[in-house]
Amino acid sequence: MPSTRAGKDACDLLDADHRAVKKMFKEFEELTQSRARSAGQKKMDLARQICLELTVHAQIEEEIFYPALRAAIKETDLLDEAEVEHQSAKDLIAQIQAAPEPDDKFEAMVKVLGEYIDHHVKEERSDIFTKARASRKLDLVGMREELETRKEELMSEMGATA
């Protein structure tokens, strides 16, 4: 099955999500420094986009990537920790989404979410992705397609209501 994405695997897809969200967090930080009138609405919009992207990303990891990895490797404590980190992020996402306007606390919540995500990404890159790629039991290239398909479905579902 030739593909234009030859050599790209599930970890590459997930890491591309990580980089995209990191860029959005950086844009949000720049907006917090802005005095422009439109900055408040832009912050709300960007925070909602960050929350949507992270929600979809966490869901595809929890539905597809983590269960496959859990079945393929012996050391699952990293996955337990990742799932706890996901729940912490989800709790903060819910608070951000419930905020009526971008006040100082709102900005702090987005900043802390970014810090959570940075920590989580470092562990995924250095530990989880390394173990996934070392496992002979996983078809990470095939899984990438499954992740992409599910991500598109969820973005469509959530994007319509976001």
Protein backbone atom coordinates (compact mmCIF):
# COMPACT_ATOMS: atom_id res chain seq x y z
CA MET A 1 0.00 0.00 0.00
CA PRO A 2 2.13 2.91 -1.19
CA SER A 3 1.44 6.18 0.52
CA THR A 4 2.58 9.75 0.19
CA ARG A 5 3.29 9.53 3.91
CA ALA A 6 5.80 6.68 3.60
CA GLY A 7 7.77 6.27 6.78
CA LYS A 8 5.29 8.23 8.85
CA ASP A 9 3.79 6.39 11.78
CA ALA A 10 1.29 6.91 14.59
CA CYS A 11 3.92 8.59 16.76
CA ASP A 12 4.68 11.09 13.98
CA LEU A 13 0.98 11.96 13.72
CA LEU A 14 0.61 12.42 17.47
CA ASP A 15 3.80 14.48 17.61
CA ALA A 16 2.55 16.72 14.79
CA ASP A 17 -0.48 17.42 17.00
CA HIS A 18 1.89 18.25 19.86
CA ARG A 19 3.80 20.76 17.73
CA ALA A 20 0.60 22.39 16.42
CA VAL A 21 -0.80 22.86 19.92
CA LYS A 22 2.53 24.17 21.24
CA LYS A 23 2.41 26.81 18.51
CA MET A 24 -1.13 27.77 19.58
CA PHE A 25 -0.03 28.10 23.20
CA LYS A 26 2.78 30.40 22.05
CA GLU A 27 0.28 32.52 20.08
CA PHE A 28 -1.94 32.68 23.17
CA GLU A 29 1.00 33.87 25.27
CA GLU A 30 1.70 36.61 22.72
CA LEU A 31 -1.95 37.69 22.88
CA THR A 32 -1.76 38.02 26.67
CA GLN A 33 0.87 40.70 26.12
CA SER A 34 -1.30 42.58 23.64
CA ARG A 35 -3.25 45.68 24.59
CA ALA A 36 -5.36 45.56 21.44
CA ARG A 37 -9.14 45.65 21.93
CA SER A 38 -9.59 42.56 19.80
CA ALA A 39 -7.13 40.52 21.92
CA GLY A 40 -9.82 39.37 24.36
CA GLN A 41 -11.95 37.69 21.70
CA LYS A 42 -8.89 36.31 19.96
CA LYS A 43 -7.75 34.76 23.26
CA MET A 44 -11.16 33.14 23.77
CA ASP A 45 -11.21 31.79 20.22
CA LEU A 46 -7.66 30.49 20.42
CA ALA A 47 -8.23 28.91 23.84
CA ARG A 48 -11.32 27.14 22.50
CA GLN A 49 -9.32 25.88 19.51
CA ILE A 50 -6.56 24.62 21.83
CA CYS A 51 -9.18 22.84 23.94
CA LEU A 52 -10.78 21.25 20.88
CA GLU A 53 -7.44 20.04 19.51
CA LEU A 54 -6.37 18.62 22.88
CA THR A 55 -9.73 16.94 23.47
CA VAL A 56 -9.61 15.18 20.11
CA HIS A 57 -5.93 14.29 20.54
CA ALA A 58 -6.51 12.78 23.99
CA GLN A 59 -9.49 10.82 22.74
CA ILE A 60 -7.66 9.20 19.83
CA GLU A 61 -4.78 8.31 22.13
CA GLU A 62 -7.14 6.80 24.70
CA GLU A 63 -9.29 4.94 22.15
CA ILE A 64 -6.58 3.62 19.83
CA PHE A 65 -2.94 4.31 20.72
CA TYR A 66 -2.81 3.56 24.45
CA PRO A 67 -4.84 0.31 24.34
CA ALA A 68 -2.68 -1.05 21.50
CA LEU A 69 0.49 -0.05 23.32
CA ARG A 70 -0.80 -1.46 26.62
CA ALA A 71 -1.29 -4.83 24.88
CA ALA A 72 2.18 -4.70 23.28
CA ILE A 73 4.48 -3.70 26.14
CA LYS A 74 5.04 -4.98 29.67
CA GLU A 75 5.73 -1.66 31.41
CA THR A 76 2.33 0.00 31.47
CA ASP A 77 3.00 2.38 34.37
CA LEU A 78 3.88 5.09 31.83
CA LEU A 79 0.46 4.66 30.24
CA ASP A 80 -1.26 4.85 33.63
CA GLU A 81 0.55 8.12 34.28
CA ALA A 82 -0.33 9.45 30.82
CA GLU A 83 -4.01 8.69 31.40
CA VAL A 84 -3.93 10.52 34.74
CA GLU A 85 -2.28 13.47 33.00
CA HIS A 86 -5.04 13.39 30.38
CA GLN A 87 -7.67 13.57 33.11
CA SER A 88 -5.97 16.58 34.72
CA ALA A 89 -5.86 18.30 31.34
CA LYS A 90 -9.54 17.47 30.71
CA ASP A 91 -10.51 19.00 34.06
CA LEU A 92 -8.66 22.20 33.18
CA ILE A 93 -10.12 22.21 29.66
CA ALA A 94 -13.62 22.06 31.16
CA GLN A 95 -12.84 25.09 33.33
CA ILE A 96 -11.43 27.02 30.38
CA GLN A 97 -14.44 26.21 28.23
CA ALA A 98 -16.79 27.34 31.01
CA ALA A 99 -15.08 30.72 31.43
CA PRO A 100 -17.32 33.59 30.30
CA GLU A 101 -14.44 35.92 29.40
CA PRO A 102 -10.64 36.02 29.33
CA ASP A 103 -9.71 37.43 32.75
CA ASP A 104 -6.44 36.90 34.63
CA LYS A 105 -7.59 33.53 35.99
CA PHE A 106 -8.54 32.42 32.48
CA GLU A 107 -5.08 33.30 31.22
CA ALA A 108 -3.53 31.43 34.16
CA MET A 109 -5.62 28.33 33.40
CA VAL A 110 -4.49 28.33 29.77
CA LYS A 111 -0.88 28.83 30.85
CA VAL A 112 -1.05 25.94 33.34
CA LEU A 113 -2.70 23.74 30.71
CA GLY A 114 0.23 24.53 28.42
CA GLU A 115 2.66 23.53 31.17
CA TYR A 116 0.78 20.24 31.73
CA ILE A 117 0.89 19.53 28.02
CA ASP A 118 4.62 20.34 27.76
CA HIS A 119 5.34 17.85 30.54
CA HIS A 120 3.10 15.22 28.97
CA VAL A 121 4.64 15.68 25.52
CA LYS A 122 8.18 15.30 26.87
CA GLU A 123 7.27 11.99 28.48
CA GLU A 124 5.49 10.74 25.38
CA ARG A 125 8.41 11.63 23.13
CA SER A 126 11.15 10.26 25.36
CA ASP A 127 9.42 7.21 26.83
CA ILE A 128 6.11 6.20 25.29
CA PHE A 129 6.97 6.75 21.61
CA THR A 130 10.35 5.07 22.14
CA LYS A 131 8.69 1.98 23.60
CA ALA A 132 6.02 1.97 20.89
CA ARG A 133 8.61 2.09 18.12
CA ALA A 134 10.72 -0.62 19.82
CA SER A 135 7.75 -3.00 20.01
CA ARG A 136 7.53 -5.58 17.25
CA LYS A 137 3.86 -6.13 18.05
CA LEU A 138 2.58 -2.78 16.76
CA ASP A 139 1.84 -1.67 13.21
CA LEU A 140 2.40 2.03 13.82
CA VAL A 141 2.07 2.91 10.14
CA GLY A 142 -1.32 1.20 9.93
CA MET A 143 -2.30 2.75 13.25
CA ARG A 144 -1.54 6.20 11.86
CA GLU A 145 -4.28 5.76 9.29
CA GLU A 146 -6.71 4.61 11.98
CA LEU A 147 -5.80 7.60 14.16
CA GLU A 148 -6.20 10.02 11.23
CA THR A 149 -9.61 8.63 10.34
CA ARG A 150 -10.86 8.82 13.93
CA LYS A 151 -9.40 12.31 14.36
CA GLU A 152 -11.26 13.54 11.27
CA GLU A 153 -14.52 12.03 12.58
CA LEU A 154 -14.13 13.66 15.98
CA MET A 155 -13.11 17.04 14.56
CA SER A 156 -16.17 16.97 12.37
CA GLU A 157 -18.43 16.03 15.29
CA MET A 158 -16.93 18.48 17.76
CA GLY A 159 -16.16 21.20 15.26
CA ALA A 160 -19.84 21.45 14.36
CA THR A 161 -20.71 22.28 17.96
CA ALA A 162 -17.59 24.25 18.88
